């Protein structure tokens, strides 16, 4: 017995059959529809084989029905128009006025149409590839245009350069750099600019249609990123830091040196090259000054206009230019080496600059070096080693010019006497009044001769030191010893004219002559005072009984009187002390 709400198996099957019937019909309909579309696609593909996709649009032009030949002709014409077109780019939101842009030609931008690639892509659309993709492209072409860009090839570097030059409202991006942080070089990130984005302009060119010989492209101002990244800067900083640590060698005029790491870090920066960041020199770096201090001996020294003496007559010798580190082109040479690692495999060759003489002929003439104002000669035995040293010192000093107010220093000009300079070992008087030997011995005779020439020329003798033992070939109380770095002999030119120092020698004597314009009527020894004091025996002398002194110590003061052209008379004094014999000293130093 069946109650209400009950279902039999038979009734359930009837209902199921009623419900399944519409789904079956729908499925059949879909299948038939798909097959009809596929059939239509197949028929259209067969009928339009070798033609472009229906409703295909390129550069705002509908290309339906074109075969390959027609398409090639259209693309060629489009390419020709494109190549000759002017380009106007209108930019919204750029520049202070809110509207900016640029003008150029397609050729300026380094762009052209790739005709072969454009034709092939157009012909292949919906004709090649998976069947479902082709079917989809074909079907949707009836509902909306299928837009494809023309294949425009752009030289990105040229496009970017032209945009950077002509975008009126552009704010240039700042490329990454390198900088010194905590004593090391590190990368510094760049900053975005704003204006026409070259990549966006390149894409817009592909979708533009030439009308009336011009392309008008409208676009919004957008951030313009730097060409290079923080990572690029970090890599360059690491390279520069390695270079600074290892040392960059430079060479000029026969001299070679290594640029200190601290200097190189301060000099280098990052520069945007065509395809990468590269090392370059900072424009505000004192590179030339740094190189000059690094290679002070490079090149040949200039020679000032000088003087020569013949037969007692003074004549002027012309100046000669020299060379020195470094010419302005050295900055370019060093920058090129930084940019090219291959150029750093050996010392970087730097060009020299011309170094002009400091004193020309007119300046030499104005010094007033025209006559002999003082001279003195001291004798010596011929052929002794000390004679070589005396004559070498004379050759070094000959021709020295002491300007008004300047001070002449023998040690300052000659420096330490060494074997490398040609000096030999000869007798000296040591600080404890003993005769010994040393390289450069005997040159005190030159100092004594110079002392006396300056004495009678009326020049100021500002530093001198007498021998501890009197030597009979020298004037008593009017002489000077010499060693390095001291004692030294210094003479100040207190005249308004230049003074030429002109030593000459024979086998048995040394003469120092001074030439200038006379500024004193006389400069003579006008007195001498000698005061005796007790002598002290040598430290190794016997004490019981003590030796008898060979004589007293003598403190001597020599007086000079100078009479100037204006009638003034000035007296000055020179003092020293003599021990009585070798090894003996004095209770009080002179």
Protein backbone atom coordinates (compact mmCIF):
# COMPACT_ATOMS: atom_id res chain seq x y z
CA UNK A 1 0.00 0.00 0.00
CA UNK A 2 1.44 3.44 -1.03
CA UNK A 3 1.05 6.35 1.31
CA UNK A 4 1.34 10.08 0.51
CA UNK A 5 4.86 11.26 0.14
CA UNK A 6 6.12 7.86 -0.93
CA UNK A 7 8.03 7.20 -4.21
CA UNK A 8 8.36 3.99 -6.08
CA UNK A 9 11.43 3.06 -8.04
CA UNK A 10 9.51 3.36 -11.26
CA UNK A 11 8.35 6.90 -10.59
CA UNK A 12 11.91 7.98 -9.71
CA UNK A 13 13.25 6.70 -13.02
CA UNK A 14 10.54 8.58 -14.89
CA UNK A 15 11.47 11.86 -13.21
CA UNK A 16 15.20 11.29 -13.87
CA UNK A 17 14.50 10.71 -17.54
CA UNK A 18 12.48 13.94 -17.71
CA UNK A 19 15.33 15.96 -16.13
CA UNK A 20 18.14 14.43 -18.20
CA UNK A 21 16.42 15.15 -21.48
CA UNK A 22 17.09 18.99 -21.48
CA UNK A 23 20.76 18.53 -20.47
CA UNK A 24 21.22 16.05 -23.27
CA UNK A 25 19.64 18.44 -25.72
CA UNK A 26 21.90 21.29 -24.43
CA UNK A 27 24.98 19.15 -24.80
CA UNK A 28 24.00 18.19 -28.31
CA UNK A 29 23.44 21.88 -29.08
CA UNK A 30 26.81 22.92 -27.74
CA UNK A 31 28.51 20.15 -29.66
CA UNK A 32 26.72 21.07 -32.83
CA UNK A 33 27.59 24.76 -32.25
CA UNK A 34 31.24 24.03 -31.67
CA UNK A 35 31.32 21.82 -34.71
CA UNK A 36 29.63 24.53 -36.74
CA UNK A 37 32.16 27.13 -35.54
CA UNK A 38 35.00 24.73 -36.22
CA UNK A 39 33.59 23.99 -39.64
CA UNK A 40 33.20 27.70 -40.33
CA UNK A 41 36.78 28.29 -39.09
CA UNK A 42 38.02 25.47 -41.28
CA UNK A 43 36.13 26.78 -44.31
CA UNK A 44 37.31 30.36 -43.66
CA UNK A 45 40.86 29.21 -43.14
CA UNK A 46 40.70 27.29 -46.43
CA UNK A 47 39.07 30.15 -48.29
CA UNK A 48 41.36 32.80 -46.72
CA UNK A 49 44.48 30.69 -46.72
CA UNK A 50 47.47 32.94 -47.34
CA UNK A 51 45.63 36.01 -46.08
CA UNK A 52 45.79 37.91 -42.81
CA UNK A 53 43.39 37.27 -39.96
CA UNK A 54 39.95 38.88 -40.35
CA UNK A 55 39.66 42.16 -38.44
CA UNK A 56 43.44 42.43 -37.88
CA UNK A 57 44.51 46.03 -37.21
CA UNK A 58 48.07 47.37 -37.39
CA UNK A 59 48.96 51.07 -36.99
CA UNK A 60 45.24 51.90 -36.93
CA UNK A 61 44.78 50.25 -40.34
CA UNK A 62 42.37 47.30 -40.95
CA UNK A 63 44.19 44.67 -42.98
CA UNK A 64 41.33 42.19 -43.64
CA UNK A 65 41.68 40.20 -46.81
CA UNK A 66 45.27 41.14 -47.59
CA UNK A 67 47.41 38.38 -49.01
CA UNK A 68 51.17 38.26 -48.45
CA UNK A 69 52.01 40.39 -51.44
CA UNK A 70 49.49 43.05 -50.47
CA UNK A 71 50.65 42.96 -46.86
CA UNK A 72 54.29 43.32 -47.90
CA UNK A 73 53.41 46.32 -50.06
CA UNK A 74 51.47 47.93 -47.21
CA UNK A 75 54.26 47.31 -44.71
CA UNK A 76 56.86 48.72 -47.14
CA UNK A 77 54.80 51.86 -47.65
CA UNK A 78 54.23 52.20 -43.90
CA UNK A 79 57.96 51.73 -43.24
CA UNK A 80 58.85 54.40 -45.82
CA UNK A 81 56.39 56.89 -44.29
CA UNK A 82 57.61 56.00 -40.81
CA UNK A 83 61.26 56.57 -41.73
CA UNK A 84 60.52 60.12 -42.97
CA UNK A 85 58.09 61.11 -40.24
CA UNK A 86 58.43 63.87 -37.71
CA UNK A 87 57.58 62.88 -34.14
CA UNK A 88 55.77 65.09 -31.66
CA UNK A 89 55.49 63.78 -28.14
CA UNK A 90 52.94 65.49 -25.91
CA UNK A 91 53.36 64.80 -22.24
CA UNK A 92 50.82 65.36 -19.49
CA UNK A 93 52.05 66.08 -16.00
CA UNK A 94 55.61 66.95 -16.95
CA UNK A 95 57.43 70.18 -16.25
CA UNK A 96 56.39 73.11 -14.15
CA UNK A 97 53.55 74.07 -16.50
CA UNK A 98 52.05 70.59 -16.39
CA UNK A 99 52.56 70.16 -20.15
CA UNK A 100 55.83 69.33 -21.81
CA UNK A 101 57.13 67.19 -24.59
CA UNK A 102 59.61 67.04 -27.38
CA UNK A 103 60.04 67.04 -31.14
CA UNK A 104 62.31 64.84 -33.17
CA UNK A 105 62.36 62.75 -36.31
CA UNK A 106 62.16 58.99 -36.49
CA UNK A 107 65.73 59.01 -37.73
CA UNK A 108 66.80 61.13 -34.74
CA UNK A 109 65.32 58.52 -32.43
CA UNK A 110 67.18 55.68 -34.11
CA UNK A 111 63.94 53.85 -35.03
CA UNK A 112 62.89 51.92 -38.14
CA UNK A 113 60.31 49.31 -39.16
CA UNK A 114 61.44 45.70 -39.40
CA UNK A 115 59.42 44.86 -42.51
CA UNK A 116 60.17 41.12 -42.59
CA UNK A 117 59.29 40.56 -38.93
CA UNK A 118 56.08 42.62 -39.26
CA UNK A 119 54.87 40.65 -42.27
CA UNK A 120 55.69 37.28 -40.74
CA UNK A 121 53.92 38.06 -37.46
CA UNK A 122 50.82 39.33 -39.23
CA UNK A 123 50.61 36.30 -41.52
CA UNK A 124 51.18 33.91 -38.62
CA UNK A 125 48.43 35.35 -36.41
CA UNK A 126 45.73 32.65 -36.06
CA UNK A 127 47.47 30.60 -38.79
CA UNK A 128 50.13 28.90 -36.71
CA UNK A 129 50.38 27.50 -33.21
CA UNK A 130 48.02 25.27 -31.17
CA UNK A 131 44.62 24.78 -32.80
CA UNK A 132 42.66 26.10 -29.80
CA UNK A 133 44.68 29.33 -29.77
CA UNK A 134 44.16 29.79 -33.49
CA UNK A 135 40.43 29.06 -33.12
CA UNK A 136 40.17 31.57 -30.26
CA UNK A 137 41.91 34.37 -32.23
CA UNK A 138 39.73 33.67 -35.27
CA UNK A 139 36.52 33.66 -33.26
CA UNK A 140 37.14 36.84 -31.25
CA UNK A 141 38.15 38.70 -34.39
CA UNK A 142 34.42 38.85 -35.26
CA UNK A 143 33.67 40.56 -31.95
CA UNK A 144 36.54 43.11 -31.71
CA UNK A 145 39.59 44.15 -33.75
CA UNK A 146 42.76 42.17 -33.13
CA UNK A 147 45.42 44.85 -32.74
CA UNK A 148 49.04 44.11 -33.42
CA UNK A 149 51.96 46.57 -33.26
CA UNK A 150 54.22 47.15 -36.19
CA UNK A 151 57.68 45.71 -35.47
CA UNK A 152 59.64 48.88 -34.77
CA UNK A 153 63.32 48.44 -33.97
CA UNK A 154 64.81 51.14 -31.77
CA UNK A 155 68.42 51.88 -30.87
CA UNK A 156 67.82 52.23 -27.10
CA UNK A 157 70.97 54.21 -26.36
CA UNK A 158 70.28 56.71 -29.14
CA UNK A 159 66.63 57.03 -28.15
CA UNK A 160 67.56 57.60 -24.52
CA UNK A 161 70.17 60.20 -25.46
CA UNK A 162 67.76 62.17 -27.67
CA UNK A 163 64.99 62.04 -25.06
CA UNK A 164 67.40 63.27 -22.39
CA UNK A 165 68.45 66.17 -24.64
CA UNK A 166 65.04 67.27 -25.93
CA UNK A 167 62.42 66.51 -23.28
CA UNK A 168 61.55 70.05 -22.20
CA UNK A 169 60.04 69.10 -18.87
CA UNK A 170 62.49 66.37 -17.98
CA UNK A 171 64.13 65.98 -14.61
CA UNK A 172 67.13 63.78 -15.28
CA UNK A 173 67.65 60.67 -13.20
CA UNK A 174 70.79 60.54 -11.08
CA UNK A 175 72.92 57.53 -11.95
CA UNK A 176 74.44 55.47 -9.12
CA UNK A 177 77.84 56.52 -7.85
CA UNK A 178 80.56 55.34 -5.49
CA UNK A 179 81.75 57.14 -2.38
CA UNK A 180 84.08 56.70 0.57
CA UNK A 181 82.36 55.46 3.71
CA UNK A 182 84.40 54.53 6.79
CA UNK A 183 87.56 54.49 4.73
CA UNK A 184 86.24 52.19 2.00
CA UNK A 185 84.51 52.68 -1.35
CA UNK A 186 80.85 51.66 -1.44
CA UNK A 187 78.05 51.92 -3.98
CA UNK A 188 75.53 54.77 -3.76
CA UNK A 189 72.04 54.28 -5.23
CA UNK A 190 70.79 56.51 -8.03
CA UNK A 191 67.57 58.53 -8.04
CA UNK A 192 64.58 58.51 -10.40
CA UNK A 193 63.97 61.44 -12.69
CA UNK A 194 60.65 62.37 -14.30
CA UNK A 195 59.55 62.95 -17.85
CA UNK A 196 59.28 60.90 -21.04
CA UNK A 197 60.15 57.32 -20.30
CA UNK A 198 62.28 56.08 -23.21
CA UNK A 199 60.95 52.53 -22.90
CA UNK A 200 57.35 53.75 -22.99
CA UNK A 201 58.10 55.94 -26.02
CA UNK A 202 59.65 52.98 -27.79
CA UNK A 203 56.44 50.96 -27.26
CA UNK A 204 54.25 53.87 -28.37
CA UNK A 205 56.18 54.19 -31.63
CA UNK A 206 55.18 50.61 -32.50
CA UNK A 207 51.45 51.44 -32.25
CA UNK A 208 51.52 54.82 -34.01
CA UNK A 209 50.23 55.60 -37.50
CA UNK A 210 51.88 58.19 -39.68
CA UNK A 211 49.45 60.92 -40.78
CA UNK A 212 50.42 63.97 -42.82
CA UNK A 213 54.07 63.05 -42.45
CA UNK A 214 54.08 63.14 -38.66
CA UNK A 215 53.50 61.02 -35.60
CA UNK A 216 51.73 62.51 -32.64
CA UNK A 217 52.19 60.52 -29.45
CA UNK A 218 50.42 61.45 -26.26
CA UNK A 219 51.62 59.99 -23.00
CA UNK A 220 51.77 60.78 -19.31
CA UNK A 221 54.94 61.86 -17.56
CA UNK A 222 56.38 59.00 -15.60
CA UNK A 223 59.35 58.23 -13.41
CA UNK A 224 62.54 57.85 -15.42
CA UNK A 225 64.75 55.35 -13.59
CA UNK A 226 68.54 55.47 -13.75
CA UNK A 227 70.03 53.24 -16.40
CA UNK A 228 72.04 51.36 -13.79
CA UNK A 229 71.19 49.80 -10.45
CA UNK A 230 72.51 49.82 -6.92
CA UNK A 231 74.00 46.39 -7.62
CA UNK A 232 75.93 47.84 -10.55
CA UNK A 233 77.35 50.52 -8.25
CA UNK A 234 78.25 47.94 -5.60
CA UNK A 235 80.18 45.88 -8.16
CA UNK A 236 82.05 48.95 -9.38
CA UNK A 237 82.85 50.02 -5.81
CA UNK A 238 84.31 46.57 -5.12
CA UNK A 239 86.47 46.84 -8.24
CA UNK A 240 87.68 50.33 -7.25
CA UNK A 241 88.44 49.21 -3.70
CA UNK A 242 90.55 46.33 -5.01
CA UNK A 243 92.42 48.75 -7.26
CA UNK A 244 93.03 51.17 -4.39
CA UNK A 245 94.25 48.39 -2.12
CA UNK A 246 96.54 46.79 -4.72
CA UNK A 247 97.85 50.16 -5.90
CA UNK A 248 97.70 51.91 -9.27
CA UNK A 249 101.15 52.51 -10.76
CA UNK A 250 101.83 55.67 -12.76
CA UNK A 251 104.94 56.72 -14.67
CA UNK A 252 106.17 60.00 -16.14
CA UNK A 253 109.53 61.29 -17.29
CA UNK A 254 111.53 58.33 -16.01
CA UNK A 255 109.87 58.27 -12.58
CA UNK A 256 107.41 55.65 -11.33
CA UNK A 257 105.16 55.75 -8.27
CA UNK A 258 102.06 54.13 -6.83
CA UNK A 259 98.99 56.26 -6.21
CA UNK A 260 98.16 56.00 -2.47
CA UNK A 261 94.91 54.22 -1.69
CA UNK A 262 93.54 57.28 0.12
CA UNK A 263 94.15 59.50 -2.91
CA UNK A 264 92.65 57.05 -5.38
CA UNK A 265 89.50 56.66 -3.26
CA UNK A 266 89.05 60.43 -3.26
CA UNK A 267 89.67 60.73 -7.00
CA UNK A 268 87.35 58.07 -8.45
CA UNK A 269 83.66 58.17 -9.26
CA UNK A 270 81.16 56.11 -11.25
CA UNK A 271 80.44 57.14 -14.82
CA UNK A 272 77.57 55.84 -16.95
CA UNK A 273 79.06 54.19 -20.04
CA UNK A 274 77.20 52.79 -23.02
CA UNK A 275 76.50 49.44 -21.44
CA UNK A 276 77.85 49.58 -17.88
CA UNK A 277 79.03 51.77 -15.06
CA UNK A 278 82.76 52.43 -15.27
CA UNK A 279 85.40 54.16 -13.21
CA UNK A 280 86.23 57.78 -13.96
CA UNK A 281 87.88 60.73 -12.20
CA UNK A 282 85.93 63.28 -10.22
CA UNK A 283 85.99 66.68 -11.88
CA UNK A 284 86.64 68.43 -8.57
CA UNK A 285 89.57 66.20 -7.61
CA UNK A 286 93.02 67.81 -7.51
CA UNK A 287 94.48 65.03 -9.66
CA UNK A 288 97.22 67.08 -11.31
CA UNK A 289 98.37 68.48 -7.98
CA UNK A 290 98.38 64.99 -6.48
CA UNK A 291 100.37 63.53 -9.39
CA UNK A 292 102.89 66.38 -9.22
CA UNK A 293 103.55 65.71 -5.54
CA UNK A 294 103.74 61.97 -6.25
CA UNK A 295 106.29 62.39 -9.08
CA UNK A 296 108.34 65.45 -8.06
CA UNK A 297 111.47 64.29 -9.92
CA UNK A 298 109.74 63.50 -13.20
CA UNK A 299 111.08 65.28 -16.26
CA UNK A 300 113.92 67.79 -16.40
CA UNK A 301 114.22 70.89 -14.28
CA UNK A 302 113.98 74.26 -16.06
CA UNK A 303 117.06 76.45 -15.95
CA UNK A 304 116.61 80.07 -14.92
CA UNK A 305 118.34 82.85 -16.77
CA UNK A 306 121.69 82.89 -15.05
CA UNK A 307 125.12 84.36 -15.18
CA UNK A 308 128.60 83.44 -16.26
CA UNK A 309 131.90 85.16 -15.54
CA UNK A 310 134.76 85.39 -17.99
CA UNK A 311 137.77 87.63 -17.59
CA UNK A 312 136.10 89.32 -14.65
CA UNK A 313 133.07 90.32 -16.80
CA UNK A 314 129.54 89.13 -15.97
CA UNK A 315 127.15 88.11 -18.75
CA UNK A 316 123.62 86.69 -18.69
CA UNK A 317 122.86 83.13 -19.87
CA UNK A 318 119.38 82.56 -21.38
CA UNK A 319 116.75 80.47 -19.58
CA UNK A 320 115.82 76.96 -20.71
CA UNK A 321 112.38 75.41 -20.18
CA UNK A 322 112.12 71.98 -18.61
CA UNK A 323 109.43 69.39 -18.10
CA UNK A 324 107.51 68.27 -15.04
CA UNK A 325 104.56 66.15 -14.02
CA UNK A 326 102.07 66.48 -15.37
CA UNK A 327 100.27 67.92 -18.42
CA UNK A 328 96.47 68.39 -18.28
CA UNK A 329 96.19 65.43 -20.67
CA UNK A 330 97.42 63.25 -17.79
CA UNK A 331 93.94 63.45 -16.29
CA UNK A 332 92.50 62.02 -19.52
CA UNK A 333 95.17 59.30 -19.63
CA UNK A 334 94.50 58.30 -16.03
CA UNK A 335 90.74 58.37 -16.58
CA UNK A 336 91.09 56.13 -19.65
CA UNK A 337 93.13 53.66 -17.62
CA UNK A 338 90.49 53.60 -14.88
CA UNK A 339 87.77 52.87 -17.45
CA UNK A 340 89.77 50.07 -19.12
CA UNK A 341 91.18 47.38 -16.79
CA UNK A 342 93.50 46.18 -19.55
CA UNK A 343 95.29 49.53 -19.48
CA UNK A 344 96.22 49.03 -15.82
CA UNK A 345 98.45 46.00 -16.35
CA UNK A 346 101.55 48.19 -16.25
CA UNK A 347 102.29 51.69 -15.05
CA UNK A 348 99.93 54.25 -16.59
CA UNK A 349 102.04 56.51 -18.80
CA UNK A 350 101.39 60.18 -18.04
CA UNK A 351 102.45 63.07 -20.30
CA UNK A 352 104.69 65.79 -18.95
CA UNK A 353 103.98 69.51 -19.03
CA UNK A 354 106.38 72.23 -20.02
CA UNK A 355 107.94 73.83 -16.96
CA UNK A 356 108.96 77.39 -17.65
CA UNK A 357 111.99 78.90 -15.99
CA UNK A 358 111.22 81.08 -13.01
CA UNK A 359 113.62 83.82 -14.00
CA UNK A 360 113.85 85.28 -17.49
CA UNK A 361 116.55 87.50 -18.96
CA UNK A 362 114.78 90.72 -18.00
CA UNK A 363 114.46 89.56 -14.40
CA UNK A 364 118.12 88.54 -14.38
CA UNK A 365 119.16 91.93 -15.71
CA UNK A 366 117.08 93.66 -13.05
CA UNK A 367 119.12 91.96 -10.29
CA UNK A 368 121.99 94.30 -10.98
CA UNK A 369 124.73 91.67 -10.95
CA UNK A 370 127.39 93.66 -12.77
CA UNK A 371 130.61 93.93 -10.72
CA UNK A 372 132.86 92.19 -8.23
CA UNK A 373 131.91 93.15 -4.66
CA UNK A 374 133.89 90.62 -2.64
CA UNK A 375 136.49 87.89 -3.15
CA UNK A 376 138.81 85.72 -1.07
CA UNK A 377 141.34 82.94 -1.70
CA UNK A 378 142.75 80.25 0.62
CA UNK A 379 145.64 77.92 -0.27
CA UNK A 380 145.94 74.14 0.04
CA UNK A 381 148.40 71.45 -0.94
CA UNK A 382 147.87 69.91 -4.37
CA UNK A 383 146.57 66.40 -4.93
CA UNK A 384 145.16 65.66 -1.46
CA UNK A 385 141.78 63.83 -1.22
CA UNK A 386 140.30 66.87 0.48
CA UNK A 387 140.97 68.92 -2.66
CA UNK A 388 138.52 66.75 -4.62
CA UNK A 389 135.81 67.52 -2.06
CA UNK A 390 136.53 71.25 -2.08
CA UNK A 391 136.45 71.46 -5.87
CA UNK A 392 133.26 69.34 -6.12
CA UNK A 393 131.53 71.71 -3.68
CA UNK A 394 132.73 74.69 -5.73
CA UNK A 395 131.33 73.16 -8.92
CA UNK A 396 127.97 72.55 -7.22
CA UNK A 397 127.63 76.08 -5.88
CA UNK A 398 129.05 78.00 -8.85
CA UNK A 399 126.36 80.20 -10.43
CA UNK A 400 124.08 80.33 -7.37
CA UNK A 401 122.15 83.60 -7.23
CA UNK A 402 121.06 84.97 -3.86
CA UNK A 403 118.17 87.38 -4.29
CA UNK A 404 117.68 90.53 -2.18
CA UNK A 405 116.69 89.48 1.34
CA UNK A 406 117.42 85.80 0.65
CA UNK A 407 119.79 83.61 2.68
CA UNK A 408 122.49 81.42 1.16
CA UNK A 409 123.08 78.10 2.97
CA UNK A 410 125.89 75.75 1.95
CA UNK A 411 124.14 72.71 3.42
CA UNK A 412 120.86 73.83 1.86
CA UNK A 413 122.40 73.79 -1.61
CA UNK A 414 124.89 70.92 -1.41
CA UNK A 415 123.12 68.62 1.05
CA UNK A 416 124.85 65.68 2.68
CA UNK A 417 128.22 64.84 1.20
CA UNK A 418 128.11 61.20 0.03
CA UNK A 419 130.14 58.83 -2.10
CA UNK A 420 127.22 58.69 -4.57
CA UNK A 421 127.72 62.40 -5.18
CA UNK A 422 131.44 61.91 -5.74
CA UNK A 423 132.82 62.93 -2.33
CA UNK A 424 135.71 60.98 -0.81
CA UNK A 425 137.06 60.37 2.67
CA UNK A 426 139.39 63.07 4.03
CA UNK A 427 140.49 64.53 7.42
CA UNK A 428 138.05 66.40 9.68
CA UNK A 429 138.19 67.89 13.20
CA UNK A 430 135.64 66.08 15.37
CA UNK A 431 133.52 67.62 18.09
CA UNK A 432 136.04 66.58 20.76
CA UNK A 433 138.90 68.40 19.00
CA UNK A 434 140.48 65.32 17.43
CA UNK A 435 141.61 64.72 13.87
CA UNK A 436 139.59 61.98 12.23
CA UNK A 437 138.43 61.09 8.72
CA UNK A 438 134.99 61.17 7.09
CA UNK A 439 133.41 61.32 3.64
CA UNK A 440 133.44 64.94 2.50
CA UNK A 441 136.23 65.99 4.83
CA UNK A 442 138.08 69.20 4.06
CA UNK A 443 135.11 71.22 2.78
CA UNK A 444 135.39 73.56 5.75
CA UNK A 445 138.06 75.31 3.67
CA UNK A 446 135.34 76.20 1.18
CA UNK A 447 133.17 77.50 4.05
CA UNK A 448 136.05 79.62 5.36
CA UNK A 449 136.73 81.06 1.91
CA UNK A 450 133.04 81.87 1.45
CA UNK A 451 132.92 83.42 4.96
CA UNK A 452 135.69 85.84 4.11
CA UNK A 453 134.30 86.75 0.68
CA UNK A 454 130.97 87.63 2.34
CA UNK A 455 132.83 89.44 5.16
CA UNK A 456 134.51 91.85 2.76
CA UNK A 457 131.43 92.16 0.52
CA UNK A 458 129.50 93.58 3.48
CA UNK A 459 126.89 90.78 3.56
CA UNK A 460 125.23 89.56 6.77
CA UNK A 461 126.73 86.31 8.08
CA UNK A 462 123.81 84.91 10.05
CA UNK A 463 125.11 81.45 10.98
CA UNK A 464 128.70 80.24 11.36
CA UNK A 465 130.83 78.16 13.73
CA UNK A 466 134.61 78.49 14.04
CA UNK A 467 136.95 75.49 14.13
CA UNK A 468 137.90 74.28 17.61
CA UNK A 469 141.53 74.23 16.55
CA UNK A 470 143.28 77.03 14.71
CA UNK A 471 144.52 76.10 11.21
CA UNK A 472 147.32 78.33 10.02
CA UNK A 473 146.20 78.65 6.42
CA UNK A 474 143.02 80.44 7.62
CA UNK A 475 142.78 84.05 8.91
CA UNK A 476 142.83 83.99 12.73
CA UNK A 477 139.27 84.37 14.10
CA UNK A 478 137.79 84.75 10.60
CA UNK A 479 136.83 81.26 9.50
CA UNK A 480 134.02 78.69 9.60
CA UNK A 481 133.74 74.94 9.92
CA UNK A 482 131.13 72.81 8.17
CA UNK A 483 129.35 69.48 8.71
CA UNK A 484 125.91 68.05 7.96
CA UNK A 485 123.24 68.83 9.01
CA UNK A 486 125.23 71.29 11.09
CA UNK A 487 127.15 73.37 11.70
CA UNK A 488 126.28 75.31 8.54
CA UNK A 489 127.39 78.59 7.00
CA UNK A 490 124.52 80.96 6.13
CA UNK A 491 124.90 84.35 4.47
CA UNK A 492 121.99 86.78 4.07
CA UNK A 493 121.90 89.17 1.12
CA UNK A 494 121.12 92.45 2.87
CA UNK A 495 121.60 94.45 -0.33
CA UNK A 496 118.89 95.61 -2.78
CA UNK A 497 120.60 93.69 -5.56
CA UNK A 498 121.18 90.05 -6.41
CA UNK A 499 124.46 88.38 -5.47
CA UNK A 500 126.18 85.86 -7.75
CA UNK A 501 128.39 83.25 -6.01
CA UNK A 502 131.23 82.30 -8.37
CA UNK A 503 133.85 79.89 -6.94
CA UNK A 504 136.98 79.07 -8.97
CA UNK A 505 140.01 76.97 -8.14
CA UNK A 506 143.51 75.94 -9.12
CA UNK A 507 145.48 72.89 -8.07
CA UNK A 508 146.65 74.73 -4.94
CA UNK A 509 143.90 77.19 -4.01
CA UNK A 510 140.16 77.87 -3.81
CA UNK A 511 138.67 81.31 -4.51
CA UNK A 512 135.12 82.53 -3.90
CA UNK A 513 134.11 85.70 -5.74
CA UNK A 514 130.81 87.53 -5.23
CA UNK A 515 129.30 89.72 -7.95
CA UNK A 516 126.53 92.29 -7.49
CA UNK A 517 126.21 96.08 -7.42
CA UNK A 518 128.31 97.61 -4.68
CA UNK A 519 126.17 98.81 -1.76
CA UNK A 520 128.93 99.52 0.80
CA UNK A 521 131.97 101.75 0.33
CA UNK A 522 134.00 99.51 2.61
CA UNK A 523 133.68 96.40 4.78
CA UNK A 524 136.86 95.73 6.76
CA UNK A 525 138.21 94.10 9.92
CA UNK A 526 138.66 96.98 12.32
CA UNK A 527 139.60 95.18 15.52
CA UNK A 528 140.11 91.85 17.29
CA UNK A 529 140.04 90.91 20.99
CA UNK A 530 141.61 87.73 22.37
CA UNK A 531 140.83 86.41 25.89
CA UNK A 532 142.70 83.41 27.25
CA UNK A 533 141.14 80.70 29.43
CA UNK A 534 142.25 77.39 30.97
CA UNK A 535 142.56 74.36 28.74
CA UNK A 536 141.30 70.91 29.76
CA UNK A 537 143.49 67.86 28.95
CA UNK A 538 142.17 64.93 26.93
CA UNK A 539 139.94 62.47 28.78
CA UNK A 540 142.50 59.67 28.28
CA UNK A 541 145.46 61.75 29.55
CA UNK A 542 147.25 60.56 32.76
CA UNK A 543 146.13 62.21 35.96
CA UNK A 544 149.23 61.73 38.13
CA UNK A 545 150.91 63.90 37.30
CA UNK A 546 148.53 65.72 34.90
CA UNK A 547 150.09 66.89 31.62
CA UNK A 548 151.16 70.45 31.19
CA UNK A 549 148.89 72.34 28.78
CA UNK A 550 150.58 73.27 25.49
CA UNK A 551 148.96 76.67 25.80
CA UNK A 552 145.76 78.40 26.86
CA UNK A 553 142.34 78.32 25.21
CA UNK A 554 141.69 81.56 23.34
CA UNK A 555 138.32 83.24 22.95
CA UNK A 556 138.60 85.53 19.93
CA UNK A 557 136.19 88.26 18.82
CA UNK A 558 136.71 89.91 15.45
CA UNK A 559 135.18 93.30 14.66
CA UNK A 560 133.95 94.37 11.24
CA UNK A 561 132.97 97.89 10.24
CA UNK A 562 130.73 98.45 7.21
CA UNK A 563 130.35 101.90 5.69
CA UNK A 564 127.28 102.21 3.46
CA UNK A 565 126.84 104.45 0.42
CA UNK A 566 124.65 106.83 2.44
CA UNK A 567 127.46 107.36 4.97
CA UNK A 568 126.13 105.08 7.71
CA UNK A 569 128.72 103.09 9.64
CA UNK A 570 127.76 99.75 11.25
CA UNK A 571 129.97 97.55 13.45
CA UNK A 572 129.32 93.83 13.95
CA UNK A 573 131.38 91.12 15.65
CA UNK A 574 132.22 87.44 15.14
CA UNK A 575 133.34 85.19 17.99
CA UNK A 576 134.81 81.75 18.47
CA UNK A 577 137.23 79.71 20.60
CA UNK A 578 140.43 77.81 19.89
CA UNK A 579 141.77 74.92 22.01
CA UNK A 580 145.57 74.75 22.28
CA UNK A 581 146.07 71.29 20.75
CA UNK A 582 144.34 68.16 19.46
CA UNK A 583 142.28 66.48 22.17
CA UNK A 584 142.41 69.47 24.49
CA UNK A 585 139.20 71.35 25.27
CA UNK A 586 138.21 74.48 27.15
CA UNK A 587 136.43 75.03 30.44
CA UNK A 588 134.06 77.42 28.75
CA UNK A 589 132.88 77.13 25.20
CA UNK A 590 133.26 80.14 22.93
